[in-house]
Amino acid sequence: MAVTPIPGVTSQVTVGGTSVVAIAANPNGGFITNPLFAIDQGLSVAEALYINPIGAATLAGNNQTVALSPGQTWTVIPGQTTPTYVNAASNVHKFTVVSW
């Protein structure tokens, strides 16, 4: 089966503490990578990126939200019927996101 990689819905948390959709529902797979440094108001900071495949991501790892340390990658669940959300504490936290 042929697949075409596509960028995610968004590749940054614009407002810190506000969950955003990174991957739309029903992907064939993909990944989200938290960079070693995020850009916050022009400053380089290392911080967690929070991933939730069930609903809005919080700013704490718990039974639904997974905390990715800088440099870690989340593997998108193939066929997932819900969007994948991300969140970060800082404004303009950028990350890499690709699905297929």
N, C-alpha and C. Protein backbone atom coordinates (compact mmCIF):
# COMPACT_ATOMS: atom_id res chain seq x y z
N MET A 1 0.84 -1.17 0.00
CA MET A 1 0.00 0.00 0.00
C MET A 1 0.89 1.24 0.00
N ALA A 2 0.66 2.14 -0.92
CA ALA A 2 1.42 3.38 -1.00
C ALA A 2 0.84 4.43 -0.06
N VAL A 3 1.71 5.17 0.60
CA VAL A 3 1.27 6.25 1.47
C VAL A 3 2.11 7.49 1.17
N THR A 4 1.55 8.65 1.43
CA THR A 4 2.24 9.91 1.22
C THR A 4 2.36 10.64 2.55
N PRO A 5 3.58 10.92 3.02
CA PRO A 5 3.73 11.70 4.25
C PRO A 5 3.17 13.11 4.05
N ILE A 6 2.51 13.63 5.08
CA ILE A 6 1.97 14.99 5.04
C ILE A 6 2.30 15.69 6.36
N PRO A 7 2.40 17.02 6.33
CA PRO A 7 2.64 17.74 7.59
C PRO A 7 1.42 17.64 8.49
N GLY A 8 1.64 17.83 9.77
CA GLY A 8 0.53 17.82 10.72
C GLY A 8 -0.37 19.02 10.56
N VAL A 9 -1.44 19.05 11.35
CA VAL A 9 -2.38 20.15 11.33
C VAL A 9 -1.69 21.44 11.74
N THR A 10 -0.85 21.38 12.75
CA THR A 10 -0.01 22.51 13.17
C THR A 10 1.30 21.96 13.70
N SER A 11 2.33 22.79 13.71
CA SER A 11 3.63 22.36 14.20
C SER A 11 4.15 23.27 15.31
N GLN A 12 3.21 23.95 16.00
CA GLN A 12 3.61 24.74 17.16
C GLN A 12 2.45 24.97 18.12
N VAL A 13 2.80 25.09 19.38
CA VAL A 13 1.85 25.54 20.40
C VAL A 13 2.04 27.05 20.44
N THR A 14 1.09 27.79 19.89
CA THR A 14 1.23 29.24 19.78
C THR A 14 1.17 29.92 21.14
N VAL A 15 0.19 29.55 21.96
CA VAL A 15 0.01 30.12 23.29
C VAL A 15 0.26 29.03 24.32
N GLY A 16 1.30 29.20 25.13
CA GLY A 16 1.63 28.22 26.14
C GLY A 16 0.44 27.87 27.01
N GLY A 17 0.24 26.59 27.28
CA GLY A 17 -0.86 26.14 28.10
C GLY A 17 -2.15 25.90 27.34
N THR A 18 -2.14 26.16 26.02
CA THR A 18 -3.33 25.97 25.20
C THR A 18 -3.11 24.78 24.27
N SER A 19 -3.88 23.73 24.46
CA SER A 19 -3.76 22.51 23.67
C SER A 19 -4.16 22.76 22.22
N VAL A 20 -3.41 22.16 21.28
CA VAL A 20 -3.70 22.28 19.86
C VAL A 20 -3.70 20.89 19.21
N VAL A 21 -4.43 20.75 18.11
CA VAL A 21 -4.45 19.48 17.36
C VAL A 21 -3.21 19.44 16.47
N ALA A 22 -2.41 18.38 16.61
CA ALA A 22 -1.22 18.20 15.78
C ALA A 22 -1.47 17.21 14.64
N ILE A 23 -2.27 16.18 14.91
CA ILE A 23 -2.56 15.13 13.92
C ILE A 23 -4.08 14.95 13.87
N ALA A 24 -4.64 14.99 12.68
CA ALA A 24 -6.08 14.76 12.52
C ALA A 24 -6.41 13.30 12.80
N ALA A 25 -7.68 13.02 13.02
CA ALA A 25 -8.13 11.65 13.25
C ALA A 25 -7.89 10.78 12.02
N ASN A 26 -7.78 9.49 12.25
CA ASN A 26 -7.63 8.47 11.21
C ASN A 26 -6.33 8.51 10.41
N PRO A 27 -5.19 8.72 11.06
CA PRO A 27 -3.93 8.68 10.32
C PRO A 27 -3.53 7.22 10.05
N ASN A 28 -2.66 7.04 9.08
CA ASN A 28 -2.09 5.71 8.85
C ASN A 28 -0.85 5.49 9.70
N GLY A 29 -0.41 6.52 10.39
CA GLY A 29 0.77 6.49 11.24
C GLY A 29 1.43 7.85 11.20
N GLY A 30 2.60 7.95 11.80
CA GLY A 30 3.35 9.20 11.80
C GLY A 30 4.15 9.36 13.06
N PHE A 31 4.65 10.60 13.29
CA PHE A 31 5.44 10.87 14.49
C PHE A 31 5.37 12.34 14.86
N ILE A 32 5.62 12.62 16.13
CA ILE A 32 5.76 13.97 16.66
C ILE A 32 7.06 13.99 17.45
N THR A 33 7.96 14.91 17.14
CA THR A 33 9.23 15.01 17.84
C THR A 33 9.34 16.34 18.57
N ASN A 34 9.68 16.27 19.84
CA ASN A 34 9.93 17.47 20.63
C ASN A 34 11.39 17.86 20.41
N PRO A 35 11.66 19.07 19.91
CA PRO A 35 13.05 19.44 19.64
C PRO A 35 13.84 19.61 20.94
N LEU A 36 15.15 19.65 20.80
CA LEU A 36 15.98 19.87 21.98
C LEU A 36 15.75 21.24 22.59
N PHE A 37 15.40 22.23 21.76
CA PHE A 37 15.12 23.58 22.26
C PHE A 37 13.86 24.10 21.61
N ALA A 38 13.02 24.77 22.37
CA ALA A 38 11.83 25.44 21.85
C ALA A 38 12.10 26.94 21.87
N ILE A 39 11.44 27.67 21.03
CA ILE A 39 11.63 29.11 20.97
C ILE A 39 10.49 29.77 21.75
N ASP A 40 10.83 30.52 22.76
CA ASP A 40 9.85 31.24 23.59
C ASP A 40 10.26 32.70 23.66
N GLN A 41 9.51 33.56 22.96
CA GLN A 41 9.80 34.99 22.96
C GLN A 41 11.26 35.25 22.58
N GLY A 42 11.79 34.47 21.64
CA GLY A 42 13.15 34.67 21.17
C GLY A 42 14.22 34.01 22.02
N LEU A 43 13.84 33.31 23.08
CA LEU A 43 14.82 32.65 23.94
C LEU A 43 14.82 31.15 23.66
N SER A 44 15.96 30.51 23.78
CA SER A 44 16.03 29.06 23.61
C SER A 44 15.81 28.39 24.97
N VAL A 45 14.82 27.53 25.04
CA VAL A 45 14.54 26.82 26.27
C VAL A 45 14.31 25.35 25.97
N ALA A 46 14.67 24.50 26.90
CA ALA A 46 14.39 23.07 26.77
C ALA A 46 13.22 22.76 27.69
N GLU A 47 12.15 22.21 27.14
CA GLU A 47 10.98 21.90 27.97
C GLU A 47 10.22 20.72 27.39
N ALA A 48 9.34 20.18 28.22
CA ALA A 48 8.52 19.05 27.80
C ALA A 48 7.46 19.48 26.79
N LEU A 49 7.09 18.55 25.94
CA LEU A 49 5.95 18.69 25.03
C LEU A 49 4.97 17.61 25.47
N TYR A 50 3.72 17.97 25.63
CA TYR A 50 2.73 17.05 26.15
C TYR A 50 1.83 16.56 25.02
N ILE A 51 1.63 15.24 24.94
CA ILE A 51 0.87 14.60 23.87
C ILE A 51 -0.33 13.87 24.48
N ASN A 52 -1.50 14.03 23.85
CA ASN A 52 -2.68 13.31 24.30
C ASN A 52 -3.45 12.81 23.08
N PRO A 53 -3.55 11.49 22.89
CA PRO A 53 -4.28 10.94 21.74
C PRO A 53 -5.78 10.79 22.00
N ILE A 54 -6.26 11.21 23.17
CA ILE A 54 -7.66 11.01 23.55
C ILE A 54 -8.43 12.33 23.55
N GLY A 55 -7.80 13.39 24.04
CA GLY A 55 -8.46 14.70 24.15
C GLY A 55 -7.42 15.78 24.38
N ALA A 56 -7.85 16.93 24.85
CA ALA A 56 -6.95 18.07 25.05
C ALA A 56 -5.80 17.69 25.98
N ALA A 57 -4.58 18.05 25.57
CA ALA A 57 -3.38 17.75 26.37
C ALA A 57 -3.24 18.77 27.50
N THR A 58 -2.92 18.28 28.69
CA THR A 58 -2.68 19.14 29.83
C THR A 58 -1.19 19.45 29.92
N LEU A 59 -0.78 20.17 30.95
CA LEU A 59 0.64 20.47 31.16
C LEU A 59 1.26 19.56 32.22
N ALA A 60 0.74 18.35 32.31
CA ALA A 60 1.29 17.36 33.23
C ALA A 60 1.06 15.97 32.65
N GLY A 61 2.07 15.13 32.75
CA GLY A 61 1.88 13.75 32.34
C GLY A 61 0.90 13.08 33.31
N ASN A 62 -0.05 12.36 32.78
CA ASN A 62 -1.01 11.63 33.62
C ASN A 62 -1.46 10.40 32.85
N ASN A 63 -2.63 9.85 33.18
CA ASN A 63 -3.05 8.61 32.53
C ASN A 63 -3.46 8.79 31.07
N GLN A 64 -3.64 10.03 30.59
CA GLN A 64 -3.97 10.28 29.19
C GLN A 64 -2.90 11.10 28.48
N THR A 65 -2.26 12.00 29.19
CA THR A 65 -1.26 12.88 28.59
C THR A 65 0.13 12.34 28.87
N VAL A 66 0.95 12.27 27.81
CA VAL A 66 2.32 11.77 27.91
C VAL A 66 3.26 12.95 27.77
N ALA A 67 4.23 13.06 28.67
CA ALA A 67 5.23 14.13 28.60
C ALA A 67 6.43 13.64 27.80
N LEU A 68 6.77 14.37 26.72
CA LEU A 68 7.97 14.07 25.93
C LEU A 68 9.07 15.02 26.35
N SER A 69 10.18 14.49 26.78
CA SER A 69 11.34 15.32 27.10
C SER A 69 11.94 15.84 25.80
N PRO A 70 12.74 16.91 25.86
CA PRO A 70 13.40 17.40 24.64
C PRO A 70 14.17 16.29 23.94
N GLY A 71 13.96 16.17 22.63
CA GLY A 71 14.63 15.16 21.83
C GLY A 71 13.85 13.86 21.68
N GLN A 72 12.80 13.66 22.45
CA GLN A 72 12.02 12.42 22.35
C GLN A 72 10.97 12.51 21.24
N THR A 73 10.53 11.32 20.79
CA THR A 73 9.55 11.22 19.70
C THR A 73 8.38 10.36 20.12
N TRP A 74 7.17 10.78 19.70
CA TRP A 74 5.93 10.04 19.91
C TRP A 74 5.56 9.38 18.58
N THR A 75 5.24 8.10 18.60
CA THR A 75 4.77 7.40 17.41
C THR A 75 3.25 7.49 17.35
N VAL A 76 2.74 8.04 16.26
CA VAL A 76 1.30 8.21 16.09
C VAL A 76 0.65 6.84 15.89
N ILE A 77 -0.49 6.65 16.50
CA ILE A 77 -1.19 5.37 16.46
C ILE A 77 -1.91 5.23 15.12
N PRO A 78 -1.55 4.24 14.29
CA PRO A 78 -2.23 4.05 13.01
C PRO A 78 -3.71 3.76 13.20
N GLY A 79 -4.56 4.43 12.43
CA GLY A 79 -6.00 4.19 12.48
C GLY A 79 -6.70 4.81 13.68
N GLN A 80 -5.98 5.60 14.45
CA GLN A 80 -6.57 6.24 15.63
C GLN A 80 -7.79 7.06 15.21
N THR A 81 -8.90 6.90 15.90
CA THR A 81 -10.14 7.57 15.49
C THR A 81 -10.31 8.97 16.10
N THR A 82 -9.37 9.39 16.93
CA THR A 82 -9.42 10.72 17.54
C THR A 82 -8.20 11.53 17.11
N PRO A 83 -8.27 12.86 17.14
CA PRO A 83 -7.09 13.67 16.84
C PRO A 83 -6.05 13.52 17.95
N THR A 84 -4.80 13.82 17.64
CA THR A 84 -3.74 13.84 18.63
C THR A 84 -3.46 15.30 18.98
N TYR A 85 -3.56 15.63 20.27
CA TYR A 85 -3.35 16.98 20.76
C TYR A 85 -1.97 17.13 21.39
N VAL A 86 -1.43 18.34 21.34
CA VAL A 86 -0.16 18.65 22.01
C VAL A 86 -0.32 19.94 22.81
N ASN A 87 0.58 20.12 23.79
CA ASN A 87 0.59 21.32 24.62
C ASN A 87 2.01 21.53 25.13
N ALA A 88 2.32 22.76 25.49
CA ALA A 88 3.62 23.10 26.07
C ALA A 88 3.43 24.32 26.96
N ALA A 89 4.34 24.52 27.89
CA ALA A 89 4.23 25.64 28.82
C ALA A 89 4.56 26.98 28.16
N SER A 90 5.48 26.99 27.20
CA SER A 90 5.94 28.24 26.60
C SER A 90 5.15 28.60 25.34
N ASN A 91 5.11 29.87 25.05
CA ASN A 91 4.55 30.35 23.79
C ASN A 91 5.45 29.94 22.64
N VAL A 92 4.89 29.69 21.50
CA VAL A 92 5.60 29.39 20.25
C VAL A 92 6.56 28.20 20.42
N HIS A 93 6.09 27.17 21.09
CA HIS A 93 6.88 25.93 21.19
C HIS A 93 6.67 25.16 19.90
N LYS A 94 7.72 25.09 19.09
CA LYS A 94 7.64 24.38 17.81
C LYS A 94 8.05 22.92 17.98
N PHE A 95 7.51 22.08 17.11
CA PHE A 95 7.82 20.65 17.13
C PHE A 95 7.70 20.13 15.70
N THR A 96 8.22 18.95 15.47
CA THR A 96 8.13 18.31 14.16
C THR A 96 6.97 17.33 14.19
N VAL A 97 6.12 17.38 13.14
CA VAL A 97 4.97 16.48 13.09
C VAL A 97 4.72 16.07 11.63
N VAL A 98 4.65 14.75 11.42
CA VAL A 98 4.40 14.19 10.08
C VAL A 98 3.45 13.01 10.27
N SER A 99 2.48 12.92 9.39
CA SER A 99 1.61 11.74 9.40
C SER A 99 1.53 11.17 7.99
N TRP A 100 0.97 9.99 7.88
CA TRP A 100 0.73 9.38 6.58
C TRP A 100 -0.50 8.53 6.63
